[in-house]
Each structure stands twice: as structure tokens, then as C-alpha cells.
């Protein structure tokens, strides 16, 4: 799979997971209707399905690479949805995590390693 295809899977999975968790957060922490759980659960199911499309022979490696993308996407959510601009430390940490995710995902490996 190409790097843009892999990135699209991970970004889609991150947005689905964040949206699903945000729905639960909104219900539990902000007193929203229990009906928030319906799209939240659907979103979390979409997240799980998308992550199975990740280009890795091993789930643990796919999840590890996804973690870096999730961190960056979470800061995007913070800014776009919660209207809190990430600070320099947020952005520096996310850049380090995304670099780590790229190394995990795109490092040359022999078959089965």
C-alpha cells in the first residue's frame, strides 16, 4: 500500500475513534442524552474496521504506528472542535510521535519480521 493510502486509513481511523470517544465523553461528562452513544458506538465500530485495513502483517505494529497518527489527530480535534489551539509542546510532542509512527510503518523489513 502506498504511503498516502496508509495515511488515509490511519487518519480515518483516528477521526472515527476520536468522534466515538467524544460522544461517550459528551454523554458522561457533559450530561448529553444517552442517544449520543448510538453514533458513538457506530463511529467506534468504523474505527475498528478501518484499522484492520492498515498495511501491516501484525496487529501490534499497526496499532503502534496508528498511535502517532492518533496523537496528532487528537490535537487537530482539540483545535477544530474544542476551540483550544495546541501549544508548542503539544505540536513538538505530536511531531515526535508521527516520526516514530512513520519509522514503525515504513521501515524496511524482511517478510515475517
Foldseek 3Di string as FASTA:
>chain_A
DDPVVLLVLLLLLLVLQVQLVVLVCCCPVVVDDPVSNVSSVVSNVVSVVSLVVHPDPDSVLSVQLSVLVNLVVVQVCCCPPVVDHDDPVSVVVSVVSNVVSCCSRPPDDDPPD
